Amino acid sequence: MTRSYVTASYATAATIAASLVAAALLLASCGSDHTTVTNRLVPPAQSEADLKRALDAGAISQSEYNDQIDKLRSGD
Protein backbone atom coordinates (compact mmCIF):
# COMPACT_ATOMS: atom_id res chain seq x y z
CA MET A 1 0.00 0.00 0.00
CA THR A 2 1.15 3.45 -0.78
CA ARG A 3 0.96 6.26 1.72
CA SER A 4 -1.65 8.21 -0.28
CA TYR A 5 -3.92 5.14 -0.45
CA VAL A 6 -3.69 4.61 3.31
CA THR A 7 -4.40 8.27 3.97
CA ALA A 8 -7.40 8.14 1.62
CA SER A 9 -8.68 5.01 3.37
CA TYR A 10 -8.46 6.68 6.78
CA ALA A 11 -10.13 9.80 5.43
CA THR A 12 -12.96 7.73 3.98
CA ALA A 13 -13.34 5.77 7.22
CA ALA A 14 -13.33 9.00 9.24
CA THR A 15 -15.96 10.52 6.96
CA ILE A 16 -18.18 7.46 7.29
CA ALA A 17 -17.73 7.40 11.07
CA ALA A 18 -18.54 11.10 11.35
CA SER A 19 -21.64 10.61 9.19
CA LEU A 20 -22.83 7.72 11.36
CA VAL A 21 -22.31 9.74 14.55
CA ALA A 22 -24.21 12.69 13.07
CA ALA A 23 -27.07 10.42 11.98
CA ALA A 24 -27.21 8.79 15.41
CA LEU A 25 -27.38 12.19 17.11
CA LEU A 26 -30.16 13.34 14.83
CA LEU A 27 -32.14 10.14 15.31
CA ALA A 28 -31.63 10.23 19.08
CA SER A 29 -33.36 13.59 19.20
CA CYS A 30 -36.34 12.27 17.23
CA GLY A 31 -39.23 11.14 19.34
CA SER A 32 -37.94 12.71 22.53
CA ASP A 33 -40.61 15.40 22.40
CA HIS A 34 -44.14 14.23 23.12
CA THR A 35 -45.88 17.33 21.80
CA THR A 36 -49.19 16.75 20.08
CA VAL A 37 -49.91 19.04 17.17
CA THR A 38 -53.56 19.67 16.41
CA ASN A 39 -54.53 20.86 12.97
CA ARG A 40 -57.49 23.13 13.49
CA LEU A 41 -58.02 23.57 9.75
CA VAL A 42 -59.28 20.00 9.33
CA PRO A 43 -63.00 19.60 10.12
CA PRO A 44 -63.77 17.23 13.02
CA ALA A 45 -65.62 14.83 10.71
CA GLN A 46 -62.50 14.52 8.54
CA SER A 47 -60.34 13.97 11.62
CA GLU A 48 -62.66 11.19 12.78
CA ALA A 49 -62.52 9.58 9.33
CA ASP A 50 -58.71 9.82 9.34
CA LEU A 51 -58.54 8.23 12.78
CA LYS A 52 -60.84 5.41 11.67
CA ARG A 53 -58.65 4.82 8.61
CA ALA A 54 -55.55 4.71 10.84
CA LEU A 55 -57.28 2.22 13.15
CA ASP A 56 -58.35 0.02 10.23
CA ALA A 57 -54.82 0.11 8.79
CA GLY A 58 -53.36 -0.93 12.14
CA ALA A 59 -51.40 2.30 12.54
CA ILE A 60 -53.02 2.97 15.93
CA SER A 61 -54.52 0.72 18.57
CA GLN A 62 -58.17 0.69 19.64
CA SER A 63 -57.28 2.48 22.88
CA GLU A 64 -55.32 5.17 21.01
CA TYR A 65 -58.29 5.57 18.67
CA ASN A 66 -60.70 5.91 21.61
CA ASP A 67 -58.45 8.45 23.35
CA GLN A 68 -58.11 10.56 20.22
CA ILE A 69 -61.85 10.44 19.46
CA ASP A 70 -62.60 11.51 23.05
CA LYS A 71 -60.15 14.42 22.76
CA LEU A 72 -61.55 15.40 19.39
CA ARG A 73 -65.12 15.38 20.59
CA SER A 74 -64.32 17.25 23.81
CA GLY A 75 -62.56 20.01 21.85
CA ASP A 76 -59.13 19.56 23.49
PDB file of N, CA and C in Angstrom:
ATOM      1  N   MET A   1       0.828  -1.184   0.000  1.00  0.00           N
ATOM      2  CA  MET A   1       0.000   0.000   0.000  1.00  0.00           C
ATOM      3  C   MET A   1       0.870   1.243   0.000  1.00  0.00           C
ATOM      4  N   THR A   2       0.430   2.190  -0.775  1.00  0.00           N
ATOM      5  CA  THR A   2       1.152   3.445  -0.782  1.00  0.00           C
ATOM      6  C   THR A   2       0.589   4.357   0.285  1.00  0.00           C
ATOM      7  N   ARG A   3       1.365   5.332   0.650  1.00  0.00           N
ATOM      8  CA  ARG A   3       0.963   6.256   1.720  1.00  0.00           C
ATOM      9  C   ARG A   3      -0.303   7.015   1.353  1.00  0.00           C
ATOM     10  N   SER A   4      -0.456   7.445   0.120  1.00  0.00           N
ATOM     11  CA  SER A   4      -1.648   8.209  -0.281  1.00  0.00           C
ATOM     12  C   SER A   4      -2.896   7.337  -0.220  1.00  0.00           C
ATOM     13  N   TYR A   5      -2.771   6.039  -0.523  1.00  0.00           N
ATOM     14  CA  TYR A   5      -3.918   5.137  -0.447  1.00  0.00           C
ATOM     15  C   TYR A   5      -4.350   4.940   1.002  1.00  0.00           C
ATOM     16  N   VAL A   6      -3.386   4.779   1.895  1.00  0.00           N
ATOM     17  CA  VAL A   6      -3.690   4.606   3.314  1.00  0.00           C
ATOM     18  C   VAL A   6      -4.343   5.863   3.866  1.00  0.00           C
ATOM     19  N   THR A   7      -3.827   7.005   3.512  1.00  0.00           N
ATOM     20  CA  THR A   7      -4.401   8.272   3.967  1.00  0.00           C
ATOM     21  C   THR A   7      -5.822   8.426   3.450  1.00  0.00           C
ATOM     22  N   ALA A   8      -6.062   8.057   2.191  1.00  0.00           N
ATOM     23  CA  ALA A   8      -7.401   8.144   1.618  1.00  0.00           C
ATOM     24  C   ALA A   8      -8.342   7.178   2.314  1.00  0.00           C
ATOM     25  N   SER A   9      -7.846   5.987   2.670  1.00  0.00           N
ATOM     26  CA  SER A   9      -8.676   5.012   3.372  1.00  0.00           C
ATOM     27  C   SER A   9      -9.086   5.528   4.746  1.00  0.00           C
ATOM     28  N   TYR A  10      -8.144   6.119   5.459  1.00  0.00           N
ATOM     29  CA  TYR A  10      -8.459   6.678   6.779  1.00  0.00           C
ATOM     30  C   TYR A  10      -9.424   7.862   6.657  1.00  0.00           C
ATOM     31  N   ALA A  11      -9.240   8.666   5.633  1.00  0.00           N
ATOM     32  CA  ALA A  11     -10.132   9.802   5.433  1.00  0.00           C
ATOM     33  C   ALA A  11     -11.546   9.326   5.119  1.00  0.00           C
ATOM     34  N   THR A  12     -11.652   8.293   4.303  1.00  0.00           N
ATOM     35  CA  THR A  12     -12.961   7.727   3.982  1.00  0.00           C
ATOM     36  C   THR A  12     -13.599   7.121   5.220  1.00  0.00           C
ATOM     37  N   ALA A  13     -12.819   6.380   5.993  1.00  0.00           N
ATOM     38  CA  ALA A  13     -13.338   5.770   7.217  1.00  0.00           C
ATOM     39  C   ALA A  13     -13.763   6.847   8.210  1.00  0.00           C
ATOM     40  N   ALA A  14     -12.990   7.912   8.322  1.00  0.00           N
ATOM     41  CA  ALA A  14     -13.329   8.997   9.237  1.00  0.00           C
ATOM     42  C   ALA A  14     -14.595   9.712   8.785  1.00  0.00           C
ATOM     43  N   THR A  15     -14.756   9.879   7.491  1.00  0.00           N
ATOM     44  CA  THR A  15     -15.958  10.520   6.959  1.00  0.00           C
ATOM     45  C   THR A  15     -17.185   9.665   7.231  1.00  0.00           C
ATOM     46  N   ILE A  16     -17.065   8.369   7.021  1.00  0.00           N
ATOM     47  CA  ILE A  16     -18.181   7.456   7.286  1.00  0.00           C
ATOM     48  C   ILE A  16     -18.513   7.456   8.776  1.00  0.00           C
ATOM     49  N   ALA A  17     -17.500   7.393   9.620  1.00  0.00           N
ATOM     50  CA  ALA A  17     -17.731   7.398  11.069  1.00  0.00           C
ATOM     51  C   ALA A  17     -18.402   8.684  11.512  1.00  0.00           C
ATOM     52  N   ALA A  18     -17.943   9.816  10.995  1.00  0.00           N
ATOM     53  CA  ALA A  18     -18.544  11.100  11.350  1.00  0.00           C
ATOM     54  C   ALA A  18     -19.992  11.168  10.877  1.00  0.00           C
ATOM     55  N   SER A  19     -20.271  10.627   9.708  1.00  0.00           N
ATOM     56  CA  SER A  19     -21.643  10.611   9.191  1.00  0.00           C
ATOM     57  C   SER A  19     -22.550   9.748  10.059  1.00  0.00           C
ATOM     58  N   LEU A  20     -22.043   8.601  10.494  1.00  0.00           N
ATOM     59  CA  LEU A  20     -22.826   7.719  11.360  1.00  0.00           C
ATOM     60  C   LEU A  20     -23.102   8.362  12.714  1.00  0.00           C
ATOM     61  N   VAL A  21     -22.116   9.051  13.265  1.00  0.00           N
ATOM     62  CA  VAL A  21     -22.311   9.738  14.548  1.00  0.00           C
ATOM     63  C   VAL A  21     -23.345  10.848  14.389  1.00  0.00           C
ATOM     64  N   ALA A  22     -23.249  11.614  13.313  1.00  0.00           N
ATOM     65  CA  ALA A  22     -24.211  12.687  13.073  1.00  0.00           C
ATOM     66  C   ALA A  22     -25.619  12.132  12.905  1.00  0.00           C
ATOM     67  N   ALA A  23     -25.753  11.043  12.170  1.00  0.00           N
ATOM     68  CA  ALA A  23     -27.066  10.423  11.977  1.00  0.00           C
ATOM     69  C   ALA A  23     -27.614   9.904  13.295  1.00  0.00           C
ATOM     70  N   ALA A  24     -26.763   9.303  14.111  1.00  0.00           N
ATOM     71  CA  ALA A  24     -27.206   8.793  15.411  1.00  0.00           C
ATOM     72  C   ALA A  24     -27.678   9.927  16.310  1.00  0.00           C
ATOM     73  N   LEU A  25     -26.970  11.037  16.300  1.00  0.00           N
ATOM     74  CA  LEU A  25     -27.378  12.185  17.114  1.00  0.00           C
ATOM     75  C   LEU A  25     -28.711  12.757  16.646  1.00  0.00           C
ATOM     76  N   LEU A  26     -28.896  12.829  15.351  1.00  0.00           N
ATOM     77  CA  LEU A  26     -30.164  13.340  14.827  1.00  0.00           C
ATOM     78  C   LEU A  26     -31.314  12.403  15.167  1.00  0.00           C
ATOM     79  N   LEU A  27     -31.087  11.106  15.012  1.00  0.00           N
ATOM     80  CA  LEU A  27     -32.136  10.143  15.313  1.00  0.00           C
ATOM     81  C   LEU A  27     -32.434  10.061  16.805  1.00  0.00           C
ATOM     82  N   ALA A  28     -31.425  10.276  17.628  1.00  0.00           N
ATOM     83  CA  ALA A  28     -31.630  10.230  19.076  1.00  0.00           C
ATOM     84  C   ALA A  28     -32.539  11.358  19.528  1.00  0.00           C
ATOM     85  N   SER A  29     -32.515  12.465  18.816  1.00  0.00           N
ATOM     86  CA  SER A  29     -33.362  13.589  19.202  1.00  0.00           C
ATOM     87  C   SER A  29     -34.788  13.417  18.695  1.00  0.00           C
ATOM     88  N   CYS A  30     -35.000  12.527  17.738  1.00  0.00           N
ATOM     89  CA  CYS A  30     -36.343  12.275  17.229  1.00  0.00           C
ATOM     90  C   CYS A  30     -37.138  11.481  18.254  1.00  0.00           C
ATOM     91  N   GLY A  31     -38.365  11.875  18.452  1.00  0.00           N
ATOM     92  CA  GLY A  31     -39.229  11.139  19.342  1.00  0.00           C
ATOM     93  C   GLY A  31     -39.055  11.468  20.799  1.00  0.00           C
ATOM     94  N   SER A  32     -38.134  12.369  21.128  1.00  0.00           N
ATOM     95  CA  SER A  32     -37.945  12.709  22.528  1.00  0.00           C
ATOM     96  C   SER A  32     -38.944  13.757  22.992  1.00  0.00           C
ATOM     97  N   ASP A  33     -39.620  14.380  22.069  1.00  0.00           N
ATOM     98  CA  ASP A  33     -40.610  15.401  22.400  1.00  0.00           C
ATOM     99  C   ASP A  33     -41.994  14.807  22.189  1.00  0.00           C
ATOM    100  N   HIS A  34     -42.818  14.836  23.200  1.00  0.00           N
ATOM    101  CA  HIS A  34     -44.142  14.234  23.117  1.00  0.00           C
ATOM    102  C   HIS A  34     -45.216  15.292  22.907  1.00  0.00           C
ATOM    103  N   THR A  35     -44.931  16.267  22.086  1.00  0.00           N
ATOM    104  CA  THR A  35     -45.877  17.328  21.797  1.00  0.00           C
ATOM    105  C   THR A  35     -46.880  16.845  20.770  1.00  0.00           C
ATOM    106  N   THR A  36     -48.152  17.090  21.027  1.00  0.00           N
ATOM    107  CA  THR A  36     -49.193  16.745  20.077  1.00  0.00           C
ATOM    108  C   THR A  36     -49.578  18.004  19.320  1.00  0.00           C
ATOM    109  N   VAL A  37     -49.541  17.919  18.016  1.00  0.00           N
ATOM    110  CA  VAL A  37     -49.913  19.036  17.172  1.00  0.00           C
ATOM    111  C   VAL A  37     -51.327  18.805  16.662  1.00  0.00           C
ATOM    112  N   THR A  38     -52.182  19.782  16.861  1.00  0.00           N
ATOM    113  CA  THR A  38     -53.560  19.670  16.414  1.00  0.00           C
ATOM    114  C   THR A  38     -53.782  20.608  15.243  1.00  0.00           C
ATOM    115  N   ASN A  39     -54.239  20.056  14.153  1.00  0.00           N
ATOM    116  CA  ASN A  39     -54.533  20.862  12.973  1.00  0.00           C
ATOM    117  C   ASN A  39     -55.975  21.335  13.066  1.00  0.00           C
ATOM    118  N   ARG A  40     -56.152  22.588  13.310  1.00  0.00           N
ATOM    119  CA  ARG A  40     -57.493  23.126  13.492  1.00  0.00           C
ATOM    120  C   ARG A  40     -58.166  23.471  12.153  1.00  0.00           C
ATOM    121  N   LEU A  41     -57.454  23.281  11.062  1.00  0.00           N
ATOM    122  CA  LEU A  41     -58.024  23.568   9.748  1.00  0.00           C
ATOM    123  C   LEU A  41     -58.802  22.378   9.197  1.00  0.00           C
ATOM    124  N   VAL A  42     -58.594  21.201   9.779  1.00  0.00           N
ATOM    125  CA  VAL A  42     -59.282  19.996   9.327  1.00  0.00           C
ATOM    126  C   VAL A  42     -60.586  19.877  10.108  1.00  0.00           C
ATOM    127  N   PRO A  43     -61.717  19.737   9.417  1.00  0.00           N
ATOM    128  CA  PRO A  43     -62.998  19.604  10.115  1.00  0.00           C
ATOM    129  C   PRO A  43     -63.009  18.347  10.999  1.00  0.00           C
ATOM    130  N   PRO A  44     -63.723  18.389  12.119  1.00  0.00           N
ATOM    131  CA  PRO A  44     -63.769  17.235  13.018  1.00  0.00           C
ATOM    132  C   PRO A  44     -64.221  15.945  12.326  1.00  0.00           C
ATOM    133  N   ALA A  45     -65.158  16.033  11.410  1.00  0.00           N
ATOM    134  CA  ALA A  45     -65.623  14.832  10.710  1.00  0.00           C
ATOM    135  C   ALA A  45     -64.489  14.201   9.906  1.00  0.00           C
ATOM    136  N   GLN A  46     -63.647  15.036   9.303  1.00  0.00           N
ATOM    137  CA  GLN A  46     -62.503  14.520   8.543  1.00  0.00           C
ATOM    138  C   GLN A  46     -61.481  13.897   9.484  1.00  0.00           C
ATOM    139  N   SER A  47     -61.274  14.517  10.639  1.00  0.00           N
ATOM    140  CA  SER A  47     -60.340  13.965  11.620  1.00  0.00           C
ATOM    141  C   SER A  47     -60.818  12.605  12.108  1.00  0.00           C
ATOM    142  N   GLU A  48     -62.116  12.482  12.356  1.00  0.00           N
ATOM    143  CA  GLU A  48     -62.664  11.193  12.779  1.00  0.00           C
ATOM    144  C   GLU A  48     -62.468  10.132  11.687  1.00  0.00           C
ATOM    145  N   ALA A  49     -62.705  10.515  10.444  1.00  0.00           N
ATOM    146  CA  ALA A  49     -62.521   9.581   9.333  1.00  0.00           C
ATOM    147  C   ALA A  49     -61.052   9.171   9.210  1.00  0.00           C
ATOM    148  N   ASP A  50     -60.141  10.125   9.402  1.00  0.00           N
ATOM    149  CA  ASP A  50     -58.712   9.822   9.340  1.00  0.00           C
ATOM    150  C   ASP A  50     -58.306   8.874  10.466  1.00  0.00           C
ATOM    151  N   LEU A  51     -58.838   9.110  11.666  1.00  0.00           N
ATOM    152  CA  LEU A  51     -58.542   8.225  12.783  1.00  0.00           C
ATOM    153  C   LEU A  51     -59.064   6.814  12.529  1.00  0.00           C
ATOM    154  N   LYS A  52     -60.252   6.713  11.973  1.00  0.00           N
ATOM    155  CA  LYS A  52     -60.839   5.408  11.666  1.00  0.00           C
ATOM    156  C   LYS A  52     -59.981   4.676  10.632  1.00  0.00           C
ATOM    157  N   ARG A  53     -59.509   5.412   9.637  1.00  0.00           N
ATOM    158  CA  ARG A  53     -58.653   4.824   8.612  1.00  0.00           C
ATOM    159  C   ARG A  53     -57.333   4.335   9.234  1.00  0.00           C
ATOM    160  N   ALA A  54     -56.784   5.113  10.163  1.00  0.00           N
ATOM    161  CA  ALA A  54     -55.548   4.713  10.838  1.00  0.00           C
ATOM    162  C   ALA A  54     -55.777   3.463  11.684  1.00  0.00           C
ATOM    163  N   LEU A  55     -56.933   3.401  12.350  1.00  0.00           N
ATOM    164  CA  LEU A  55     -57.279   2.222  13.147  1.00  0.00           C
ATOM    165  C   LEU A  55     -57.414   0.998  12.248  1.00  0.00           C
ATOM    166  N   ASP A  56     -58.139   1.140  11.158  1.00  0.00           N
ATOM    167  CA  ASP A  56     -58.354   0.022  10.229  1.00  0.00           C
ATOM    168  C   ASP A  56     -57.046  -0.463   9.597  1.00  0.00           C
ATOM    169  N   ALA A  57     -56.111   0.470   9.396  1.00  0.00           N
ATOM    170  CA  ALA A  57     -54.821   0.115   8.794  1.00  0.00           C
ATOM    171  C   ALA A  57     -53.855  -0.473   9.823  1.00  0.00           C
ATOM    172  N   GLY A  58     -54.232  -0.414  11.106  1.00  0.00           N
ATOM    173  CA  GLY A  58     -53.358  -0.935  12.144  1.00  0.00           C
ATOM    174  C   GLY A  58     -52.284   0.036  12.591  1.00  0.00           C
ATOM    175  N   ALA A  59     -52.403   1.299  12.172  1.00  0.00           N
ATOM    176  CA  ALA A  59     -51.401   2.297  12.535  1.00  0.00           C
ATOM    177  C   ALA A  59     -51.553   2.742  13.986  1.00  0.00           C
ATOM    178  N   ILE A  60     -52.769   2.638  14.533  1.00  0.00           N
ATOM    179  CA  ILE A  60     -53.023   2.965  15.930  1.00  0.00           C
ATOM    180  C   ILE A  60     -53.852   1.850  16.553  1.00  0.00           C
ATOM    181  N   SER A  61     -53.763   1.746  17.866  1.00  0.00           N
ATOM    182  CA  SER A  61     -54.524   0.716  18.574  1.00  0.00           C
ATOM    183  C   SER A  61     -55.942   1.226  18.863  1.00  0.00           C
ATOM    184  N   GLN A  62     -56.794   0.314  19.300  1.00  0.00           N
ATOM    185  CA  GLN A  62     -58.169   0.691  19.642  1.00  0.00           C
ATOM    186  C   GLN A  62     -58.174   1.711  20.776  1.00  0.00           C
ATOM    187  N   SER A  63     -57.308   1.530  21.768  1.00  0.00           N
ATOM    188  CA  SER A  63     -57.284   2.478  22.884  1.00  0.00           C
ATOM    189  C   SER A  63     -56.783   3.852  22.443  1.00  0.00           C
ATOM    190  N   GLU A  64     -55.788   3.882  21.540  1.00  0.00           N
ATOM    191  CA  GLU A  64     -55.322   5.167  21.008  1.00  0.00           C
ATOM    192  C   GLU A  64     -56.440   5.840  20.212  1.00  0.00           C
ATOM    193  N   TYR A  65     -57.163   5.048  19.444  1.00  0.00           N
ATOM    194  CA  TYR A  65     -58.292   5.571  18.675  1.00  0.00           C
ATOM    195  C   TYR A  65     -59.332   6.177  19.615  1.00  0.00           C
ATOM    196  N   ASN A  66     -59.699   5.422  20.664  1.00  0.00           N
ATOM    197  CA  ASN A  66     -60.702   5.912  21.605  1.00  0.00           C
ATOM    198  C   ASN A  66     -60.246   7.192  22.294  1.00  0.00           C
ATOM    199  N   ASP A  67     -58.978   7.244  22.704  1.00  0.00           N
ATOM    200  CA  ASP A  67     -58.445   8.446  23.354  1.00  0.00           C
ATOM    201  C   ASP A  67     -58.516   9.649  22.420  1.00  0.00           C
ATOM    202  N   GLN A  68     -58.126   9.448  21.165  1.00  0.00           N
ATOM    203  CA  GLN A  68     -58.107  10.563  20.222  1.00  0.00           C
ATOM    204  C   GLN A  68     -59.522  11.014  19.865  1.00  0.00           C
ATOM    205  N   ILE A  69     -60.444  10.077  19.742  1.00  0.00           N
ATOM    206  CA  ILE A  69     -61.847  10.438  19.459  1.00  0.00           C
ATOM    207  C   ILE A  69     -62.424  11.227  20.631  1.00  0.00           C
ATOM    208  N   ASP A  70     -62.126  10.788  21.873  1.00  0.00           N
ATOM    209  CA  ASP A  70     -62.603  11.508  23.050  1.00  0.00           C
ATOM    210  C   ASP A  70     -62.061  12.933  23.084  1.00  0.00           C
ATOM    211  N   LYS A  71     -60.751  13.086  22.794  1.00  0.00           N
ATOM    212  CA  LYS A  71     -60.151  14.419  22.763  1.00  0.00           C
ATOM    213  C   LYS A  71     -60.771  15.275  21.666  1.00  0.00           C
ATOM    214  N   LEU A  72     -60.977  14.678  20.522  1.00  0.00           N
ATOM    215  CA  LEU A  72     -61.547  15.402  19.394  1.00  0.00           C
ATOM    216  C   LEU A  72     -62.956  15.888  19.716  1.00  0.00           C
ATOM    217  N   ARG A  73     -63.739  15.039  20.291  1.00  0.00           N
ATOM    218  CA  ARG A  73     -65.123  15.380  20.591  1.00  0.00           C
ATOM    219  C   ARG A  73     -65.253  16.341  21.764  1.00  0.00           C
ATOM    220  N   SER A  74     -64.263  16.335  22.674  1.00  0.00           N
ATOM    221  CA  SER A  74     -64.322  17.246  23.813  1.00  0.00           C
ATOM    222  C   SER A  74     -63.753  18.626  23.463  1.00  0.00           C
ATOM    223  N   GLY A  75     -63.083  18.721  22.312  1.00  0.00           N
ATOM    224  CA  GLY A  75     -62.556  20.010  21.854  1.00  0.00           C
ATOM    225  C   GLY A  75     -61.166  20.313  22.364  1.00  0.00           C
ATOM    226  N   ASP A  76     -60.495  19.340  22.996  1.00  0.00           N
ATOM    227  CA  ASP A  76     -59.126  19.561  23.493  1.00  0.00           C
ATOM    228  C   ASP A  76     -58.125  19.532  22.382  1.00  0.00           C
TER     229      ASP A  76
END
